[in-house]
Structure formats: structure tokens, C-alpha cells
Amino acid sequence: MKAEGELVPTAEEAAKQKQQQVEEERQRAEQLAERLKSLGIDPN
């Protein structure tokens, strides 16, 4: 249930937010993999 006055994103806005979240998670995974490599650990 939505609070009174709370905005609900359009499908396009929701998709854009999801795409941004996915990109941020991909970048974080890449950074963590680089960190592991720098410690001599193969992340794969």
C-alpha cells in the first residue's frame, strides 16, 4: 500500500532505475575482482 502522496515511477522510470542499479552492481563486482587480483587471488 502506498502512502498518500507517494509518487509511483512510470515503467520507463522504473526500467531506468533498474538499469542504473545493474550498472552500479557490475562496476562494484569489477572493482572487487580487481581487488582480489591485486591480492593474488583469481576471482574466477
PDB file of N, CA and C in Angstrom:
ATOM      1  N   MET A   1       0.844  -1.186   0.000  1.00  0.00           N
ATOM      2  CA  MET A   1       0.000   0.000   0.000  1.00  0.00           C
ATOM      3  C   MET A   1       0.886   1.244   0.000  1.00  0.00           C
ATOM      4  N   LYS A   2       0.598   2.157  -0.879  1.00  0.00           N
ATOM      5  CA  LYS A   2       1.388   3.382  -0.998  1.00  0.00           C
ATOM      6  C   LYS A   2       0.869   4.437  -0.029  1.00  0.00           C
ATOM      7  N   ALA A   3       1.826   5.162   0.548  1.00  0.00           N
ATOM      8  CA  ALA A   3       1.461   6.268   1.418  1.00  0.00           C
ATOM      9  C   ALA A   3       0.807   7.361   0.586  1.00  0.00           C
ATOM     10  N   GLU A   4      -0.078   8.091   1.194  1.00  0.00           N
ATOM     11  CA  GLU A   4      -0.762   9.172   0.485  1.00  0.00           C
ATOM     12  C   GLU A   4       0.255  10.182  -0.035  1.00  0.00           C
ATOM     13  N   GLY A   5       0.158  10.506  -1.308  1.00  0.00           N
ATOM     14  CA  GLY A   5       1.056  11.476  -1.905  1.00  0.00           C
ATOM     15  C   GLY A   5       2.364  10.883  -2.406  1.00  0.00           C
ATOM     16  N   GLU A   6       2.589   9.609  -2.204  1.00  0.00           N
ATOM     17  CA  GLU A   6       3.836   8.986  -2.669  1.00  0.00           C
ATOM     18  C   GLU A   6       3.760   8.760  -4.175  1.00  0.00           C
ATOM     19  N   LEU A   7       4.813   9.175  -4.866  1.00  0.00           N
ATOM     20  CA  LEU A   7       4.835   9.013  -6.308  1.00  0.00           C
ATOM     21  C   LEU A   7       5.260   7.602  -6.689  1.00  0.00           C
ATOM     22  N   VAL A   8       4.643   7.089  -7.731  1.00  0.00           N
ATOM     23  CA  VAL A   8       4.975   5.773  -8.255  1.00  0.00           C
ATOM     24  C   VAL A   8       5.667   5.987  -9.595  1.00  0.00           C
ATOM     25  N   PRO A   9       6.862   5.413  -9.780  1.00  0.00           N
ATOM     26  CA  PRO A   9       7.574   5.640 -11.051  1.00  0.00           C
ATOM     27  C   PRO A   9       6.838   5.012 -12.232  1.00  0.00           C
ATOM     28  N   THR A  10       6.965   5.655 -13.382  1.00  0.00           N
ATOM     29  CA  THR A  10       6.416   5.064 -14.609  1.00  0.00           C
ATOM     30  C   THR A  10       7.256   3.834 -14.948  1.00  0.00           C
ATOM     31  N   ALA A  11       6.770   3.040 -15.866  1.00  0.00           N
ATOM     32  CA  ALA A  11       7.519   1.849 -16.284  1.00  0.00           C
ATOM     33  C   ALA A  11       8.888   2.254 -16.823  1.00  0.00           C
ATOM     34  N   GLU A  12       8.926   3.355 -17.573  1.00  0.00           N
ATOM     35  CA  GLU A  12      10.195   3.827 -18.138  1.00  0.00           C
ATOM     36  C   GLU A  12      11.156   4.258 -17.026  1.00  0.00           C
ATOM     37  N   GLU A  13      10.637   4.975 -16.038  1.00  0.00           N
ATOM     38  CA  GLU A  13      11.479   5.412 -14.915  1.00  0.00           C
ATOM     39  C   GLU A  13      11.978   4.215 -14.117  1.00  0.00           C
ATOM     40  N   ALA A  14      11.106   3.252 -13.891  1.00  0.00           N
ATOM     41  CA  ALA A  14      11.489   2.059 -13.138  1.00  0.00           C
ATOM     42  C   ALA A  14      12.566   1.277 -13.885  1.00  0.00           C
ATOM     43  N   ALA A  15      12.422   1.169 -15.203  1.00  0.00           N
ATOM     44  CA  ALA A  15      13.416   0.459 -16.007  1.00  0.00           C
ATOM     45  C   ALA A  15      14.749   1.187 -15.964  1.00  0.00           C
ATOM     46  N   LYS A  16      14.710   2.501 -16.017  1.00  0.00           N
ATOM     47  CA  LYS A  16      15.937   3.292 -15.976  1.00  0.00           C
ATOM     48  C   LYS A  16      16.624   3.123 -14.616  1.00  0.00           C
ATOM     49  N   GLN A  17      15.840   3.127 -13.543  1.00  0.00           N
ATOM     50  CA  GLN A  17      16.405   2.925 -12.204  1.00  0.00           C
ATOM     51  C   GLN A  17      17.032   1.542 -12.094  1.00  0.00           C
ATOM     52  N   LYS A  18      16.355   0.546 -12.622  1.00  0.00           N
ATOM     53  CA  LYS A  18      16.869  -0.823 -12.570  1.00  0.00           C
ATOM     54  C   LYS A  18      18.158  -0.942 -13.371  1.00  0.00           C
ATOM     55  N   GLN A  19      18.193  -0.308 -14.549  1.00  0.00           N
ATOM     56  CA  GLN A  19      19.392  -0.349 -15.386  1.00  0.00           C
ATOM     57  C   GLN A  19      20.562   0.308 -14.654  1.00  0.00           C
ATOM     58  N   GLN A  20      20.301   1.412 -13.963  1.00  0.00           N
ATOM     59  CA  GLN A  20      21.348   2.102 -13.217  1.00  0.00           C
ATOM     60  C   GLN A  20      21.848   1.214 -12.071  1.00  0.00           C
ATOM     61  N   GLN A  21      20.930   0.540 -11.394  1.00  0.00           N
ATOM     62  CA  GLN A  21      21.311  -0.350 -10.303  1.00  0.00           C
ATOM     63  C   GLN A  21      22.179  -1.493 -10.815  1.00  0.00           C
ATOM     64  N   VAL A  22      21.798  -2.071 -11.950  1.00  0.00           N
ATOM     65  CA  VAL A  22      22.563  -3.172 -12.541  1.00  0.00           C
ATOM     66  C   VAL A  22      23.970  -2.701 -12.897  1.00  0.00           C
ATOM     67  N   GLU A  23      24.069  -1.501 -13.477  1.00  0.00           N
ATOM     68  CA  GLU A  23      25.373  -0.960 -13.856  1.00  0.00           C
ATOM     69  C   GLU A  23      26.241  -0.732 -12.619  1.00  0.00           C
ATOM     70  N   GLU A  24      25.649  -0.198 -11.548  1.00  0.00           N
ATOM     71  CA  GLU A  24      26.409   0.026 -10.317  1.00  0.00           C
ATOM     72  C   GLU A  24      26.904  -1.297  -9.731  1.00  0.00           C
ATOM     73  N   GLU A  25      26.057  -2.320  -9.775  1.00  0.00           N
ATOM     74  CA  GLU A  25      26.450  -3.636  -9.258  1.00  0.00           C
ATOM     75  C   GLU A  25      27.564  -4.239 -10.115  1.00  0.00           C
ATOM     76  N   ARG A  26      27.482  -4.038 -11.440  1.00  0.00           N
ATOM     77  CA  ARG A  26      28.533  -4.548 -12.332  1.00  0.00           C
ATOM     78  C   ARG A  26      29.863  -3.874 -12.029  1.00  0.00           C
ATOM     79  N   GLN A  27      29.823  -2.559 -11.825  1.00  0.00           N
ATOM     80  CA  GLN A  27      31.048  -1.826 -11.513  1.00  0.00           C
ATOM     81  C   GLN A  27      31.622  -2.291 -10.179  1.00  0.00           C
ATOM     82  N   ARG A  28      30.754  -2.528  -9.197  1.00  0.00           N
ATOM     83  CA  ARG A  28      31.225  -2.993  -7.889  1.00  0.00           C
ATOM     84  C   ARG A  28      31.881  -4.367  -8.013  1.00  0.00           C
ATOM     85  N   ALA A  29      31.272  -5.248  -8.783  1.00  0.00           N
ATOM     86  CA  ALA A  29      31.844  -6.584  -8.979  1.00  0.00           C
ATOM     87  C   ALA A  29      33.205  -6.477  -9.662  1.00  0.00           C
ATOM     88  N   GLU A  30      33.306  -5.581 -10.628  1.00  0.00           N
ATOM     89  CA  GLU A  30      34.571  -5.385 -11.327  1.00  0.00           C
ATOM     90  C   GLU A  30      35.651  -4.868 -10.364  1.00  0.00           C
ATOM     91  N   GLN A  31      35.279  -3.923  -9.516  1.00  0.00           N
ATOM     92  CA  GLN A  31      36.228  -3.378  -8.541  1.00  0.00           C
ATOM     93  C   GLN A  31      36.675  -4.459  -7.550  1.00  0.00           C
ATOM     94  N   LEU A  32      35.731  -5.272  -7.113  1.00  0.00           N
ATOM     95  CA  LEU A  32      36.079  -6.346  -6.174  1.00  0.00           C
ATOM     96  C   LEU A  32      36.984  -7.376  -6.841  1.00  0.00           C
ATOM     97  N   ALA A  33      36.728  -7.684  -8.108  1.00  0.00           N
ATOM     98  CA  ALA A  33      37.577  -8.624  -8.838  1.00  0.00           C
ATOM     99  C   ALA A  33      38.989  -8.069  -8.970  1.00  0.00           C
ATOM    100  N   GLU A  34      39.101  -6.773  -9.273  1.00  0.00           N
ATOM    101  CA  GLU A  34      40.420  -6.148  -9.366  1.00  0.00           C
ATOM    102  C   GLU A  34      41.140  -6.204  -8.023  1.00  0.00           C
ATOM    103  N   ARG A  35      40.402  -5.998  -6.950  1.00  0.00           N
ATOM    104  CA  ARG A  35      40.997  -6.053  -5.602  1.00  0.00           C
ATOM    105  C   ARG A  35      41.525  -7.460  -5.309  1.00  0.00           C
ATOM    106  N   LEU A  36      40.733  -8.456  -5.651  1.00  0.00           N
ATOM    107  CA  LEU A  36      41.184  -9.837  -5.448  1.00  0.00           C
ATOM    108  C   LEU A  36      42.438 -10.127  -6.262  1.00  0.00           C
ATOM    109  N   LYS A  37      42.445  -9.683  -7.529  1.00  0.00           N
ATOM    110  CA  LYS A  37      43.620  -9.884  -8.372  1.00  0.00           C
ATOM    111  C   LYS A  37      44.852  -9.240  -7.766  1.00  0.00           C
ATOM    112  N   SER A  38      44.682  -8.039  -7.193  1.00  0.00           N
ATOM    113  CA  SER A  38      45.816  -7.330  -6.591  1.00  0.00           C
ATOM    114  C   SER A  38      46.346  -8.073  -5.361  1.00  0.00           C
ATOM    115  N   LEU A  39      45.495  -8.918  -4.783  1.00  0.00           N
ATOM    116  CA  LEU A  39      45.914  -9.722  -3.640  1.00  0.00           C
ATOM    117  C   LEU A  39      46.413 -11.104  -4.067  1.00  0.00           C
ATOM    118  N   GLY A  40      46.465 -11.324  -5.385  1.00  0.00           N
ATOM    119  CA  GLY A  40      46.962 -12.599  -5.900  1.00  0.00           C
ATOM    120  C   GLY A  40      45.927 -13.686  -5.909  1.00  0.00           C
ATOM    121  N   ILE A  41      44.654 -13.318  -5.854  1.00  0.00           N
ATOM    122  CA  ILE A  41      43.568 -14.304  -5.849  1.00  0.00           C
ATOM    123  C   ILE A  41      42.841 -14.236  -7.181  1.00  0.00           C
ATOM    124  N   ASP A  42      42.652 -15.390  -7.830  1.00  0.00           N
ATOM    125  CA  ASP A  42      41.904 -15.443  -9.095  1.00  0.00           C
ATOM    126  C   ASP A  42      40.414 -15.409  -8.771  1.00  0.00           C
ATOM    127  N   PRO A  43      39.713 -14.350  -9.147  1.00  0.00           N
ATOM    128  CA  PRO A  43      38.296 -14.242  -8.793  1.00  0.00           C
ATOM    129  C   PRO A  43      37.367 -15.173  -9.578  1.00  0.00           C
ATOM    130  N   ASN A  44      37.903 -15.838 -10.581  1.00  0.00           N
ATOM    131  CA  ASN A  44      37.045 -16.710 -11.394  1.00  0.00           C
ATOM    132  C   ASN A  44      37.067 -18.090 -10.903  1.00  0.00           C
TER     133      ASN A  44
END
